[in-house]
Amino acid sequence: MLIKFYIKPRKGVLDPQGRAVAENLRSLGFDNVEDVKVGKYIEVYVNETDKEKAIEQAKEMAKKAIVNEIIEDYEFEVIDNT
């Protein structure tokens, strides 16, 4: 199975990279850009056939290794890629 993690800075957390992208977009004429958040996208392939077990593993991976829950929000999806 494939686990896709989408991670971005929490609201209110300084995101200098996002700020730089937003300023660059505005300088290119995209005046309606209000804010940009730059995050991470991570794919994890697991040898698992039970989707519920893969979901539990994804939660554990996020908490232990992938996400800093103090400053990041995340979502994930589990896809059966067989």
PDB file of N, CA and C in Angstrom:
ATOM      1  N   MET A   1       0.836  -1.179   0.000  1.00  0.00           N
ATOM      2  CA  MET A   1       0.000   0.000   0.000  1.00  0.00           C
ATOM      3  C   MET A   1       0.878   1.238   0.000  1.00  0.00           C
ATOM      4  N   LEU A   2       0.322   2.294  -0.493  1.00  0.00           N
ATOM      5  CA  LEU A   2       1.004   3.579  -0.560  1.00  0.00           C
ATOM      6  C   LEU A   2       0.360   4.524   0.443  1.00  0.00           C
ATOM      7  N   ILE A   3       1.195   5.146   1.264  1.00  0.00           N
ATOM      8  CA  ILE A   3       0.725   6.169   2.195  1.00  0.00           C
ATOM      9  C   ILE A   3       1.295   7.499   1.713  1.00  0.00           C
ATOM     10  N   LYS A   4       0.412   8.457   1.458  1.00  0.00           N
ATOM     11  CA  LYS A   4       0.820   9.784   1.020  1.00  0.00           C
ATOM     12  C   LYS A   4       0.621  10.760   2.169  1.00  0.00           C
ATOM     13  N   PHE A   5       1.704  11.395   2.596  1.00  0.00           N
ATOM     14  CA  PHE A   5       1.650  12.386   3.667  1.00  0.00           C
ATOM     15  C   PHE A   5       1.744  13.787   3.066  1.00  0.00           C
ATOM     16  N   TYR A   6       0.871  14.678   3.522  1.00  0.00           N
ATOM     17  CA  TYR A   6       0.882  16.083   3.125  1.00  0.00           C
ATOM     18  C   TYR A   6       1.104  16.895   4.399  1.00  0.00           C
ATOM     19  N   ILE A   7       2.215  17.602   4.461  1.00  0.00           N
ATOM     20  CA  ILE A   7       2.611  18.289   5.684  1.00  0.00           C
ATOM     21  C   ILE A   7       2.823  19.770   5.381  1.00  0.00           C
ATOM     22  N   LYS A   8       2.294  20.635   6.264  1.00  0.00           N
ATOM     23  CA  LYS A   8       2.491  22.076   6.080  1.00  0.00           C
ATOM     24  C   LYS A   8       2.617  22.738   7.447  1.00  0.00           C
ATOM     25  N   PRO A   9       3.200  23.932   7.474  1.00  0.00           N
ATOM     26  CA  PRO A   9       3.331  24.636   8.748  1.00  0.00           C
ATOM     27  C   PRO A   9       1.945  24.946   9.342  1.00  0.00           C
ATOM     28  N   ARG A  10       1.857  24.864  10.651  1.00  0.00           N
ATOM     29  CA  ARG A  10       0.604  25.222  11.329  1.00  0.00           C
ATOM     30  C   ARG A  10       0.293  26.696  11.112  1.00  0.00           C
ATOM     31  N   LYS A  11      -0.982  27.027  11.178  1.00  0.00           N
ATOM     32  CA  LYS A  11      -1.394  28.417  11.086  1.00  0.00           C
ATOM     33  C   LYS A  11      -0.744  29.188  12.230  1.00  0.00           C
ATOM     34  N   GLY A  12      -0.170  30.326  11.907  1.00  0.00           N
ATOM     35  CA  GLY A  12       0.482  31.148  12.912  1.00  0.00           C
ATOM     36  C   GLY A  12       1.967  30.881  13.068  1.00  0.00           C
ATOM     37  N   VAL A  13       2.457  29.798  12.455  1.00  0.00           N
ATOM     38  CA  VAL A  13       3.890  29.493  12.518  1.00  0.00           C
ATOM     39  C   VAL A  13       4.582  30.206  11.368  1.00  0.00           C
ATOM     40  N   LEU A  14       5.676  30.874  11.668  1.00  0.00           N
ATOM     41  CA  LEU A  14       6.428  31.597  10.653  1.00  0.00           C
ATOM     42  C   LEU A  14       6.881  30.639   9.549  1.00  0.00           C
ATOM     43  N   ASP A  15       6.609  31.019   8.302  1.00  0.00           N
ATOM     44  CA  ASP A  15       6.986  30.219   7.143  1.00  0.00           C
ATOM     45  C   ASP A  15       7.771  31.109   6.178  1.00  0.00           C
ATOM     46  N   PRO A  16       9.092  31.293   6.422  1.00  0.00           N
ATOM     47  CA  PRO A  16       9.870  32.200   5.580  1.00  0.00           C
ATOM     48  C   PRO A  16       9.894  31.780   4.112  1.00  0.00           C
ATOM     49  N   GLN A  17       9.907  30.495   3.857  1.00  0.00           N
ATOM     50  CA  GLN A  17       9.912  30.032   2.468  1.00  0.00           C
ATOM     51  C   GLN A  17       8.591  30.385   1.789  1.00  0.00           C
ATOM     52  N   GLY A  18       7.493  30.190   2.485  1.00  0.00           N
ATOM     53  CA  GLY A  18       6.186  30.569   1.950  1.00  0.00           C
ATOM     54  C   GLY A  18       6.090  32.061   1.714  1.00  0.00           C
ATOM     55  N   ARG A  19       6.629  32.847   2.641  1.00  0.00           N
ATOM     56  CA  ARG A  19       6.618  34.304   2.487  1.00  0.00           C
ATOM     57  C   ARG A  19       7.413  34.714   1.255  1.00  0.00           C
ATOM     58  N   ALA A  20       8.577  34.095   1.037  1.00  0.00           N
ATOM     59  CA  ALA A  20       9.403  34.417  -0.128  1.00  0.00           C
ATOM     60  C   ALA A  20       8.671  34.070  -1.429  1.00  0.00           C
ATOM     61  N   VAL A  21       7.993  32.929  -1.460  1.00  0.00           N
ATOM     62  CA  VAL A  21       7.239  32.546  -2.660  1.00  0.00           C
ATOM     63  C   VAL A  21       6.104  33.539  -2.903  1.00  0.00           C
ATOM     64  N   ALA A  22       5.404  33.914  -1.845  1.00  0.00           N
ATOM     65  CA  ALA A  22       4.302  34.875  -1.990  1.00  0.00           C
ATOM     66  C   ALA A  22       4.813  36.210  -2.534  1.00  0.00           C
ATOM     67  N   GLU A  23       5.911  36.693  -1.989  1.00  0.00           N
ATOM     68  CA  GLU A  23       6.473  37.968  -2.466  1.00  0.00           C
ATOM     69  C   GLU A  23       6.911  37.870  -3.922  1.00  0.00           C
ATOM     70  N   ASN A  24       7.495  36.756  -4.294  1.00  0.00           N
ATOM     71  CA  ASN A  24       7.915  36.558  -5.678  1.00  0.00           C
ATOM     72  C   ASN A  24       6.709  36.545  -6.618  1.00  0.00           C
ATOM     73  N   LEU A  25       5.657  35.851  -6.214  1.00  0.00           N
ATOM     74  CA  LEU A  25       4.450  35.811  -7.047  1.00  0.00           C
ATOM     75  C   LEU A  25       3.860  37.210  -7.218  1.00  0.00           C
ATOM     76  N   ARG A  26       3.817  37.983  -6.125  1.00  0.00           N
ATOM     77  CA  ARG A  26       3.298  39.350  -6.219  1.00  0.00           C
ATOM     78  C   ARG A  26       4.159  40.202  -7.152  1.00  0.00           C
ATOM     79  N   SER A  27       5.488  40.013  -7.088  1.00  0.00           N
ATOM     80  CA  SER A  27       6.377  40.786  -7.956  1.00  0.00           C
ATOM     81  C   SER A  27       6.201  40.418  -9.425  1.00  0.00           C
ATOM     82  N   LEU A  28       5.663  39.240  -9.675  1.00  0.00           N
ATOM     83  CA  LEU A  28       5.396  38.802 -11.049  1.00  0.00           C
ATOM     84  C   LEU A  28       4.001  39.193 -11.523  1.00  0.00           C
ATOM     85  N   GLY A  29       3.293  39.970 -10.703  1.00  0.00           N
ATOM     86  CA  GLY A  29       1.995  40.467 -11.117  1.00  0.00           C
ATOM     87  C   GLY A  29       0.796  39.720 -10.566  1.00  0.00           C
ATOM     88  N   PHE A  30       1.028  38.741  -9.731  1.00  0.00           N
ATOM     89  CA  PHE A  30      -0.091  38.016  -9.119  1.00  0.00           C
ATOM     90  C   PHE A  30      -0.482  38.740  -7.832  1.00  0.00           C
ATOM     91  N   ASP A  31      -1.145  39.892  -8.007  1.00  0.00           N
ATOM     92  CA  ASP A  31      -1.446  40.782  -6.889  1.00  0.00           C
ATOM     93  C   ASP A  31      -2.468  40.212  -5.914  1.00  0.00           C
ATOM     94  N   ASN A  32      -3.211  39.201  -6.323  1.00  0.00           N
ATOM     95  CA  ASN A  32      -4.249  38.655  -5.453  1.00  0.00           C
ATOM     96  C   ASN A  32      -3.729  37.562  -4.515  1.00  0.00           C
ATOM     97  N   VAL A  33      -2.431  37.262  -4.541  1.00  0.00           N
ATOM     98  CA  VAL A  33      -1.866  36.253  -3.646  1.00  0.00           C
ATOM     99  C   VAL A  33      -1.827  36.835  -2.233  1.00  0.00           C
ATOM    100  N   GLU A  34      -2.531  36.185  -1.318  1.00  0.00           N
ATOM    101  CA  GLU A  34      -2.563  36.646   0.073  1.00  0.00           C
ATOM    102  C   GLU A  34      -1.512  35.959   0.934  1.00  0.00           C
ATOM    103  N   ASP A  35      -1.350  34.645   0.740  1.00  0.00           N
ATOM    104  CA  ASP A  35      -0.437  33.889   1.595  1.00  0.00           C
ATOM    105  C   ASP A  35      -0.041  32.610   0.871  1.00  0.00           C
ATOM    106  N   VAL A  36       1.112  32.093   1.209  1.00  0.00           N
ATOM    107  CA  VAL A  36       1.599  30.831   0.646  1.00  0.00           C
ATOM    108  C   VAL A  36       2.165  30.013   1.797  1.00  0.00           C
ATOM    109  N   LYS A  37       1.849  28.739   1.827  1.00  0.00           N
ATOM    110  CA  LYS A  37       2.445  27.801   2.774  1.00  0.00           C
ATOM    111  C   LYS A  37       3.234  26.783   1.970  1.00  0.00           C
ATOM    112  N   VAL A  38       4.487  26.622   2.313  1.00  0.00           N
ATOM    113  CA  VAL A  38       5.331  25.635   1.653  1.00  0.00           C
ATOM    114  C   VAL A  38       5.460  24.441   2.593  1.00  0.00           C
ATOM    115  N   GLY A  39       5.119  23.284   2.091  1.00  0.00           N
ATOM    116  CA  GLY A  39       5.128  22.097   2.925  1.00  0.00           C
ATOM    117  C   GLY A  39       5.946  20.974   2.327  1.00  0.00           C
ATOM    118  N   LYS A  40       5.637  19.774   2.785  1.00  0.00           N
ATOM    119  CA  LYS A  40       6.338  18.576   2.335  1.00  0.00           C
ATOM    120  C   LYS A  40       5.311  17.555   1.850  1.00  0.00           C
ATOM    121  N   TYR A  41       5.738  16.765   0.893  1.00  0.00           N
ATOM    122  CA  TYR A  41       4.940  15.648   0.409  1.00  0.00           C
ATOM    123  C   TYR A  41       5.833  14.416   0.503  1.00  0.00           C
ATOM    124  N   ILE A  42       5.365  13.386   1.179  1.00  0.00           N
ATOM    125  CA  ILE A  42       6.172  12.183   1.392  1.00  0.00           C
ATOM    126  C   ILE A  42       5.343  10.965   1.018  1.00  0.00           C
ATOM    127  N   GLU A  43       5.944  10.046   0.265  1.00  0.00           N
ATOM    128  CA  GLU A  43       5.318   8.771  -0.069  1.00  0.00           C
ATOM    129  C   GLU A  43       6.029   7.663   0.693  1.00  0.00           C
ATOM    130  N   VAL A  44       5.249   6.818   1.343  1.00  0.00           N
ATOM    131  CA  VAL A  44       5.787   5.656   2.050  1.00  0.00           C
ATOM    132  C   VAL A  44       5.055   4.427   1.516  1.00  0.00           C
ATOM    133  N   TYR A  45       5.818   3.479   1.037  1.00  0.00           N
ATOM    134  CA  TYR A  45       5.240   2.220   0.552  1.00  0.00           C
ATOM    135  C   TYR A  45       5.407   1.174   1.636  1.00  0.00           C
ATOM    136  N   VAL A  46       4.309   0.546   2.020  1.00  0.00           N
ATOM    137  CA  VAL A  46       4.350  -0.483   3.062  1.00  0.00           C
ATOM    138  C   VAL A  46       3.821  -1.805   2.512  1.00  0.00           C
ATOM    139  N   ASN A  47       4.403  -2.868   3.001  1.00  0.00           N
ATOM    140  CA  ASN A  47       3.964  -4.202   2.619  1.00  0.00           C
ATOM    141  C   ASN A  47       2.836  -4.608   3.563  1.00  0.00           C
ATOM    142  N   GLU A  48       1.642  -4.159   3.233  1.00  0.00           N
ATOM    143  CA  GLU A  48       0.461  -4.387   4.087  1.00  0.00           C
ATOM    144  C   GLU A  48      -0.761  -4.562   3.194  1.00  0.00           C
ATOM    145  N   THR A  49      -1.608  -5.526   3.514  1.00  0.00           N
ATOM    146  CA  THR A  49      -2.820  -5.749   2.718  1.00  0.00           C
ATOM    147  C   THR A  49      -4.076  -5.248   3.415  1.00  0.00           C
ATOM    148  N   ASP A  50      -3.983  -5.013   4.720  1.00  0.00           N
ATOM    149  CA  ASP A  50      -5.132  -4.541   5.496  1.00  0.00           C
ATOM    150  C   ASP A  50      -5.081  -3.017   5.583  1.00  0.00           C
ATOM    151  N   LYS A  51      -6.054  -2.348   4.968  1.00  0.00           N
ATOM    152  CA  LYS A  51      -6.046  -0.886   4.924  1.00  0.00           C
ATOM    153  C   LYS A  51      -6.124  -0.273   6.322  1.00  0.00           C
ATOM    154  N   GLU A  52      -6.901  -0.852   7.207  1.00  0.00           N
ATOM    155  CA  GLU A  52      -7.008  -0.324   8.574  1.00  0.00           C
ATOM    156  C   GLU A  52      -5.669  -0.393   9.298  1.00  0.00           C
ATOM    157  N   LYS A  53      -4.922  -1.463   9.094  1.00  0.00           N
ATOM    158  CA  LYS A  53      -3.595  -1.575   9.705  1.00  0.00           C
ATOM    159  C   LYS A  53      -2.653  -0.524   9.113  1.00  0.00           C
ATOM    160  N   ALA A  54      -2.754  -0.300   7.815  1.00  0.00           N
ATOM    161  CA  ALA A  54      -1.916   0.715   7.165  1.00  0.00           C
ATOM    162  C   ALA A  54      -2.234   2.100   7.711  1.00  0.00           C
ATOM    163  N   ILE A  55      -3.507   2.384   7.974  1.00  0.00           N
ATOM    164  CA  ILE A  55      -3.900   3.667   8.548  1.00  0.00           C
ATOM    165  C   ILE A  55      -3.288   3.839   9.933  1.00  0.00           C
ATOM    166  N   GLU A  56      -3.351   2.801  10.744  1.00  0.00           N
ATOM    167  CA  GLU A  56      -2.758   2.866  12.086  1.00  0.00           C
ATOM    168  C   GLU A  56      -1.256   3.056  12.008  1.00  0.00           C
ATOM    169  N   GLN A  57      -0.606   2.367  11.053  1.00  0.00           N
ATOM    170  CA  GLN A  57       0.832   2.538  10.870  1.00  0.00           C
ATOM    171  C   GLN A  57       1.156   3.968  10.446  1.00  0.00           C
ATOM    172  N   ALA A  58       0.342   4.533   9.568  1.00  0.00           N
ATOM    173  CA  ALA A  58       0.571   5.903   9.104  1.00  0.00           C
ATOM    174  C   ALA A  58       0.494   6.880  10.272  1.00  0.00           C
ATOM    175  N   LYS A  59      -0.481   6.718  11.138  1.00  0.00           N
ATOM    176  CA  LYS A  59      -0.604   7.593  12.310  1.00  0.00           C
ATOM    177  C   LYS A  59       0.633   7.493  13.199  1.00  0.00           C
ATOM    178  N   GLU A  60       1.096   6.269  13.397  1.00  0.00           N
ATOM    179  CA  GLU A  60       2.264   6.047  14.239  1.00  0.00           C
ATOM    180  C   GLU A  60       3.524   6.629  13.588  1.00  0.00           C
ATOM    181  N   MET A  61       3.677   6.421  12.275  1.00  0.00           N
ATOM    182  CA  MET A  61       4.826   6.982  11.558  1.00  0.00           C
ATOM    183  C   MET A  61       4.843   8.507  11.679  1.00  0.00           C
ATOM    184  N   ALA A  62       3.673   9.108  11.492  1.00  0.00           N
ATOM    185  CA  ALA A  62       3.582  10.559  11.558  1.00  0.00           C
ATOM    186  C   ALA A  62       4.042  11.063  12.922  1.00  0.00           C
ATOM    187  N   LYS A  63       3.523  10.453  13.972  1.00  0.00           N
ATOM    188  CA  LYS A  63       3.843  10.920  15.322  1.00  0.00           C
ATOM    189  C   LYS A  63       5.295  10.670  15.710  1.00  0.00           C
ATOM    190  N   LYS A  64       5.846   9.537  15.286  1.00  0.00           N
ATOM    191  CA  LYS A  64       7.190   9.162  15.727  1.00  0.00           C
ATOM    192  C   LYS A  64       8.313   9.680  14.836  1.00  0.00           C
ATOM    193  N   ALA A  65       8.046   9.900  13.545  1.00  0.00           N
ATOM    194  CA  ALA A  65       9.179  10.153  12.657  1.00  0.00           C
ATOM    195  C   ALA A  65       8.975  11.229  11.593  1.00  0.00           C
ATOM    196  N   ILE A  66       7.763  11.450  11.144  1.00  0.00           N
ATOM    197  CA  ILE A  66       7.581  12.260   9.941  1.00  0.00           C
ATOM    198  C   ILE A  66       7.150  13.695  10.232  1.00  0.00           C
ATOM    199  N   VAL A  67       6.324  13.888  11.246  1.00  0.00           N
ATOM    200  CA  VAL A  67       5.716  15.194  11.494  1.00  0.00           C
ATOM    201  C   VAL A  67       6.153  15.746  12.848  1.00  0.00           C
ATOM    202  N   ASN A  68       6.469  17.025  12.877  1.00  0.00           N
ATOM    203  CA  ASN A  68       6.682  17.725  14.138  1.00  0.00           C
ATOM    204  C   ASN A  68       5.345  18.385  14.483  1.00  0.00           C
ATOM    205  N   GLU A  69       4.554  17.739  15.314  1.00  0.00           N
ATOM    206  CA  GLU A  69       3.190  18.194  15.580  1.00  0.00           C
ATOM    207  C   GLU A  69       3.126  19.525  16.333  1.00  0.00           C
ATOM    208  N   ILE A  70       4.243  20.010  16.822  1.00  0.00           N
ATOM    209  CA  ILE A  70       4.252  21.314  17.483  1.00  0.00           C
ATOM    210  C   ILE A  70       4.109  22.430  16.453  1.00  0.00           C
ATOM    211  N   ILE A  71       4.739  22.256  15.288  1.00  0.00           N
ATOM    212  CA  ILE A  71       4.743  23.322  14.291  1.00  0.00           C
ATOM    213  C   ILE A  71       4.140  22.925  12.943  1.00  0.00           C
ATOM    214  N   GLU A  72       3.729  21.655  12.793  1.00  0.00           N
ATOM    215  CA  GLU A  72       3.210  21.201  11.501  1.00  0.00           C
ATOM    216  C   GLU A  72       1.844  20.538  11.643  1.00  0.00           C
ATOM    217  N   ASP A  73       1.009  20.755  10.634  1.00  0.00           N
ATOM    218  CA  ASP A  73      -0.237  20.017  10.469  1.00  0.00           C
ATOM    219  C   ASP A  73      -0.019  19.018   9.351  1.00  0.00           C
ATOM    220  N   TYR A  74      -0.794  17.954   9.369  1.00  0.00           N
ATOM    221  CA  TYR A  74      -0.634  16.973   8.304  1.00  0.00           C
ATOM    222  C   TYR A  74      -1.939  16.255   8.020  1.00  0.00           C
ATOM    223  N   GLU A  75      -1.966  15.699   6.840  1.00  0.00           N
ATOM    224  CA  GLU A  75      -3.029  14.793   6.414  1.00  0.00           C
ATOM    225  C   GLU A  75      -2.335  13.643   5.711  1.00  0.00           C
ATOM    226  N   PHE A  76      -3.018  12.524   5.618  1.00  0.00           N
ATOM    227  CA  PHE A  76      -2.466  11.433   4.833  1.00  0.00           C
ATOM    228  C   PHE A  76      -3.604  10.674   4.186  1.00  0.00           C
ATOM    229  N   GLU A  77      -3.247   9.939   3.154  1.00  0.00           N
ATOM    230  CA  GLU A  77      -4.206   9.036   2.524  1.00  0.00           C
ATOM    231  C   GLU A  77      -3.491   7.727   2.254  1.00  0.00           C
ATOM    232  N   VAL A  78      -4.252   6.648   2.361  1.00  0.00           N
ATOM    233  CA  VAL A  78      -3.722   5.310   2.123  1.00  0.00           C
ATOM    234  C   VAL A  78      -4.366   4.789   0.836  1.00  0.00           C
ATOM    235  N   ILE A  79      -3.502   4.361  -0.084  1.00  0.00           N
ATOM    236  CA  ILE A  79      -3.972   3.909  -1.382  1.00  0.00           C
ATOM    237  C   ILE A  79      -3.506   2.473  -1.600  1.00  0.00           C
ATOM    238  N   ASP A  80      -4.440   1.637  -1.978  1.00  0.00           N
ATOM    239  CA  ASP A  80      -4.112   0.245  -2.307  1.00  0.00           C
ATOM    240  C   ASP A  80      -3.530   0.252  -3.706  1.00  0.00           C
ATOM    241  N   ASN A  81      -2.232   0.026  -3.818  1.00  0.00           N
ATOM    242  CA  ASN A  81      -1.562   0.092  -5.114  1.00  0.00           C
ATOM    243  C   ASN A  81      -1.263  -1.283  -5.694  1.00  0.00           C
ATOM    244  N   THR A  82      -2.051  -2.274  -5.316  1.00  0.00           N
ATOM    245  CA  THR A  82      -1.824  -3.625  -5.850  1.00  0.00           C
ATOM    246  C   THR A  82      -2.473  -3.812  -7.193  1.00  0.00           C
TER     247      THR A  82
END
